[in-house]
Amino acid sequence: MDQGTFKYLSNTYMYTSTVLYKYLHIMYTIYTMQTICCTTNKLSTA
């Protein structure tokens, strides 16, 4: 494998992992907020 191919693969890997991390972070944030909202709603209606 030459230098160019290796650089391309490593850049692609870095980009993919960054996107995946941001996506997971957003999903986790939404999930947490939904959980908090549900808990608050149950407490307020109880």
PDB file of N, CA and C in Angstrom:
ATOM      1  N   MET A   1       0.851  -1.192   0.000  1.00  0.00           N
ATOM      2  CA  MET A   1       0.000   0.000   0.000  1.00  0.00           C
ATOM      3  C   MET A   1       0.893   1.251   0.000  1.00  0.00           C
ATOM      4  N   ASP A   2       0.622   2.176  -0.895  1.00  0.00           N
ATOM      5  CA  ASP A   2       1.464   3.373  -0.965  1.00  0.00           C
ATOM      6  C   ASP A   2       0.968   4.447  -0.005  1.00  0.00           C
ATOM      7  N   GLN A   3       1.728   5.526   0.068  1.00  0.00           N
ATOM      8  CA  GLN A   3       1.458   6.585   1.045  1.00  0.00           C
ATOM      9  C   GLN A   3       0.094   7.233   0.820  1.00  0.00           C
ATOM     10  N   GLY A   4      -0.234   7.479  -0.453  1.00  0.00           N
ATOM     11  CA  GLY A   4      -1.490   8.156  -0.773  1.00  0.00           C
ATOM     12  C   GLY A   4      -2.700   7.348  -0.337  1.00  0.00           C
ATOM     13  N   THR A   5      -2.656   6.043  -0.609  1.00  0.00           N
ATOM     14  CA  THR A   5      -3.778   5.172  -0.232  1.00  0.00           C
ATOM     15  C   THR A   5      -3.936   5.127   1.269  1.00  0.00           C
ATOM     16  N   PHE A   6      -2.808   5.017   1.971  1.00  0.00           N
ATOM     17  CA  PHE A   6      -2.840   4.967   3.427  1.00  0.00           C
ATOM     18  C   PHE A   6      -3.415   6.250   4.007  1.00  0.00           C
ATOM     19  N   LYS A   7      -2.986   7.387   3.447  1.00  0.00           N
ATOM     20  CA  LYS A   7      -3.475   8.685   3.925  1.00  0.00           C
ATOM     21  C   LYS A   7      -4.977   8.799   3.687  1.00  0.00           C
ATOM     22  N   TYR A   8      -5.420   8.344   2.511  1.00  0.00           N
ATOM     23  CA  TYR A   8      -6.842   8.397   2.185  1.00  0.00           C
ATOM     24  C   TYR A   8      -7.645   7.542   3.164  1.00  0.00           C
ATOM     25  N   LEU A   9      -7.163   6.331   3.439  1.00  0.00           N
ATOM     26  CA  LEU A   9      -7.870   5.423   4.338  1.00  0.00           C
ATOM     27  C   LEU A   9      -7.928   5.975   5.755  1.00  0.00           C
ATOM     28  N   SER A  10      -6.827   6.529   6.228  1.00  0.00           N
ATOM     29  CA  SER A  10      -6.803   7.060   7.589  1.00  0.00           C
ATOM     30  C   SER A  10      -7.711   8.285   7.700  1.00  0.00           C
ATOM     31  N   ASN A  11      -7.736   9.129   6.655  1.00  0.00           N
ATOM     32  CA  ASN A  11      -8.623  10.295   6.658  1.00  0.00           C
ATOM     33  C   ASN A  11     -10.083   9.858   6.660  1.00  0.00           C
ATOM     34  N   THR A  12     -10.393   8.842   5.859  1.00  0.00           N
ATOM     35  CA  THR A  12     -11.758   8.329   5.794  1.00  0.00           C
ATOM     36  C   THR A  12     -12.169   7.759   7.140  1.00  0.00           C
ATOM     37  N   TYR A  13     -11.250   7.048   7.774  1.00  0.00           N
ATOM     38  CA  TYR A  13     -11.540   6.459   9.087  1.00  0.00           C
ATOM     39  C   TYR A  13     -11.791   7.545  10.119  1.00  0.00           C
ATOM     40  N   MET A  14     -10.938   8.573  10.131  1.00  0.00           N
ATOM     41  CA  MET A  14     -11.093   9.673  11.075  1.00  0.00           C
ATOM     42  C   MET A  14     -12.433  10.377  10.862  1.00  0.00           C
ATOM     43  N   TYR A  15     -12.778  10.633   9.584  1.00  0.00           N
ATOM     44  CA  TYR A  15     -14.019  11.314   9.268  1.00  0.00           C
ATOM     45  C   TYR A  15     -15.214  10.485   9.725  1.00  0.00           C
ATOM     46  N   THR A  16     -15.184   9.177   9.422  1.00  0.00           N
ATOM     47  CA  THR A  16     -16.292   8.289   9.767  1.00  0.00           C
ATOM     48  C   THR A  16     -16.478   8.208  11.276  1.00  0.00           C
ATOM     49  N   SER A  17     -15.368   8.061  11.993  1.00  0.00           N
ATOM     50  CA  SER A  17     -15.469   7.937  13.449  1.00  0.00           C
ATOM     51  C   SER A  17     -15.981   9.237  14.067  1.00  0.00           C
ATOM     52  N   THR A  18     -15.571  10.373  13.506  1.00  0.00           N
ATOM     53  CA  THR A  18     -16.038  11.666  14.019  1.00  0.00           C
ATOM     54  C   THR A  18     -17.538  11.809  13.814  1.00  0.00           C
ATOM     55  N   VAL A  19     -17.998  11.459  12.604  1.00  0.00           N
ATOM     56  CA  VAL A  19     -19.432  11.556  12.299  1.00  0.00           C
ATOM     57  C   VAL A  19     -20.230  10.619  13.198  1.00  0.00           C
ATOM     58  N   LEU A  20     -19.726   9.396  13.353  1.00  0.00           N
ATOM     59  CA  LEU A  20     -20.414   8.424  14.203  1.00  0.00           C
ATOM     60  C   LEU A  20     -20.483   8.911  15.636  1.00  0.00           C
ATOM     61  N   TYR A  21     -19.390   9.489  16.124  1.00  0.00           N
ATOM     62  CA  TYR A  21     -19.348   9.979  17.498  1.00  0.00           C
ATOM     63  C   TYR A  21     -20.363  11.100  17.693  1.00  0.00           C
ATOM     64  N   LYS A  22     -20.399  12.041  16.742  1.00  0.00           N
ATOM     65  CA  LYS A  22     -21.348  13.150  16.843  1.00  0.00           C
ATOM     66  C   LYS A  22     -22.785  12.634  16.787  1.00  0.00           C
ATOM     67  N   TYR A  23     -23.032  11.657  15.896  1.00  0.00           N
ATOM     68  CA  TYR A  23     -24.372  11.090  15.761  1.00  0.00           C
ATOM     69  C   TYR A  23     -24.803  10.420  17.056  1.00  0.00           C
ATOM     70  N   LEU A  24     -23.917   9.611  17.632  1.00  0.00           N
ATOM     71  CA  LEU A  24     -24.228   8.922  18.884  1.00  0.00           C
ATOM     72  C   LEU A  24     -24.452   9.923  20.009  1.00  0.00           C
ATOM     73  N   HIS A  25     -23.655  10.983  20.020  1.00  0.00           N
ATOM     74  CA  HIS A  25     -23.784  12.002  21.057  1.00  0.00           C
ATOM     75  C   HIS A  25     -25.145  12.691  20.968  1.00  0.00           C
ATOM     76  N   ILE A  26     -25.565  13.005  19.741  1.00  0.00           N
ATOM     77  CA  ILE A  26     -26.864  13.649  19.535  1.00  0.00           C
ATOM     78  C   ILE A  26     -27.988  12.713  19.960  1.00  0.00           C
ATOM     79  N   MET A  27     -27.907  11.436  19.550  1.00  0.00           N
ATOM     80  CA  MET A  27     -28.938  10.469  19.909  1.00  0.00           C
ATOM     81  C   MET A  27     -29.010  10.302  21.427  1.00  0.00           C
ATOM     82  N   TYR A  28     -27.840  10.257  22.069  1.00  0.00           N
ATOM     83  CA  TYR A  28     -27.796  10.105  23.529  1.00  0.00           C
ATOM     84  C   TYR A  28     -28.420  11.312  24.217  1.00  0.00           C
ATOM     85  N   THR A  29     -28.135  12.507  23.695  1.00  0.00           N
ATOM     86  CA  THR A  29     -28.692  13.728  24.267  1.00  0.00           C
ATOM     87  C   THR A  29     -30.210  13.738  24.149  1.00  0.00           C
ATOM     88  N   ILE A  30     -30.716  13.368  22.963  1.00  0.00           N
ATOM     89  CA  ILE A  30     -32.165  13.326  22.739  1.00  0.00           C
ATOM     90  C   ILE A  30     -32.804  12.312  23.675  1.00  0.00           C
ATOM     91  N   TYR A  31     -32.176  11.144  23.784  1.00  0.00           N
ATOM     92  CA  TYR A  31     -32.701  10.092  24.649  1.00  0.00           C
ATOM     93  C   TYR A  31     -32.758  10.550  26.104  1.00  0.00           C
ATOM     94  N   THR A  32     -31.684  11.196  26.549  1.00  0.00           N
ATOM     95  CA  THR A  32     -31.625  11.684  27.932  1.00  0.00           C
ATOM     96  C   THR A  32     -32.706  12.728  28.179  1.00  0.00           C
ATOM     97  N   MET A  33     -32.866  13.653  27.236  1.00  0.00           N
ATOM     98  CA  MET A  33     -33.868  14.707  27.398  1.00  0.00           C
ATOM     99  C   MET A  33     -35.274  14.121  27.420  1.00  0.00           C
ATOM    100  N   GLN A  34     -35.520  13.123  26.559  1.00  0.00           N
ATOM    101  CA  GLN A  34     -36.835  12.476  26.551  1.00  0.00           C
ATOM    102  C   GLN A  34     -37.101  11.783  27.878  1.00  0.00           C
ATOM    103  N   THR A  35     -36.076  11.126  28.416  1.00  0.00           N
ATOM    104  CA  THR A  35     -36.219  10.434  29.692  1.00  0.00           C
ATOM    105  C   THR A  35     -36.533  11.423  30.807  1.00  0.00           C
ATOM    106  N   ILE A  36     -35.804  12.539  30.809  1.00  0.00           N
ATOM    107  CA  ILE A  36     -36.030  13.577  31.832  1.00  0.00           C
ATOM    108  C   ILE A  36     -37.443  14.154  31.697  1.00  0.00           C
ATOM    109  N   CYS A  37     -37.874  14.409  30.469  1.00  0.00           N
ATOM    110  CA  CYS A  37     -39.210  14.963  30.238  1.00  0.00           C
ATOM    111  C   CYS A  37     -40.280  13.991  30.712  1.00  0.00           C
ATOM    112  N   CYS A  38     -40.105  12.717  30.391  1.00  0.00           N
ATOM    113  CA  CYS A  38     -41.076  11.703  30.806  1.00  0.00           C
ATOM    114  C   CYS A  38     -41.149  11.624  32.321  1.00  0.00           C
ATOM    115  N   THR A  39     -39.996  11.623  32.961  1.00  0.00           N
ATOM    116  CA  THR A  39     -39.949  11.547  34.418  1.00  0.00           C
ATOM    117  C   THR A  39     -40.619  12.762  35.043  1.00  0.00           C
ATOM    118  N   THR A  40     -40.346  13.936  34.481  1.00  0.00           N
ATOM    119  CA  THR A  40     -40.932  15.170  35.009  1.00  0.00           C
ATOM    120  C   THR A  40     -42.444  15.167  34.823  1.00  0.00           C
ATOM    121  N   ASN A  41     -42.896  14.688  33.663  1.00  0.00           N
ATOM    122  CA  ASN A  41     -44.333  14.630  33.403  1.00  0.00           C
ATOM    123  C   ASN A  41     -45.025  13.689  34.381  1.00  0.00           C
ATOM    124  N   LYS A  42     -44.416  12.536  34.638  1.00  0.00           N
ATOM    125  CA  LYS A  42     -45.012  11.568  35.562  1.00  0.00           C
ATOM    126  C   LYS A  42     -45.084  12.154  36.972  1.00  0.00           C
ATOM    127  N   LEU A  43     -44.047  12.889  37.351  1.00  0.00           N
ATOM    128  CA  LEU A  43     -44.018  13.485  38.690  1.00  0.00           C
ATOM    129  C   LEU A  43     -45.079  14.583  38.801  1.00  0.00           C
ATOM    130  N   SER A  44     -45.240  15.364  37.738  1.00  0.00           N
ATOM    131  CA  SER A  44     -46.173  16.488  37.810  1.00  0.00           C
ATOM    132  C   SER A  44     -47.627  16.017  37.743  1.00  0.00           C
ATOM    133  N   THR A  45     -47.885  14.900  37.039  1.00  0.00           N
ATOM    134  CA  THR A  45     -49.257  14.407  36.925  1.00  0.00           C
ATOM    135  C   THR A  45     -49.634  13.560  38.121  1.00  0.00           C
ATOM    136  N   ALA A  46     -48.646  12.987  38.804  1.00  0.00           N
ATOM    137  CA  ALA A  46     -48.928  12.117  39.950  1.00  0.00           C
ATOM    138  C   ALA A  46     -49.496  12.912  41.127  1.00  0.00           C
TER     139      ALA A  46
END
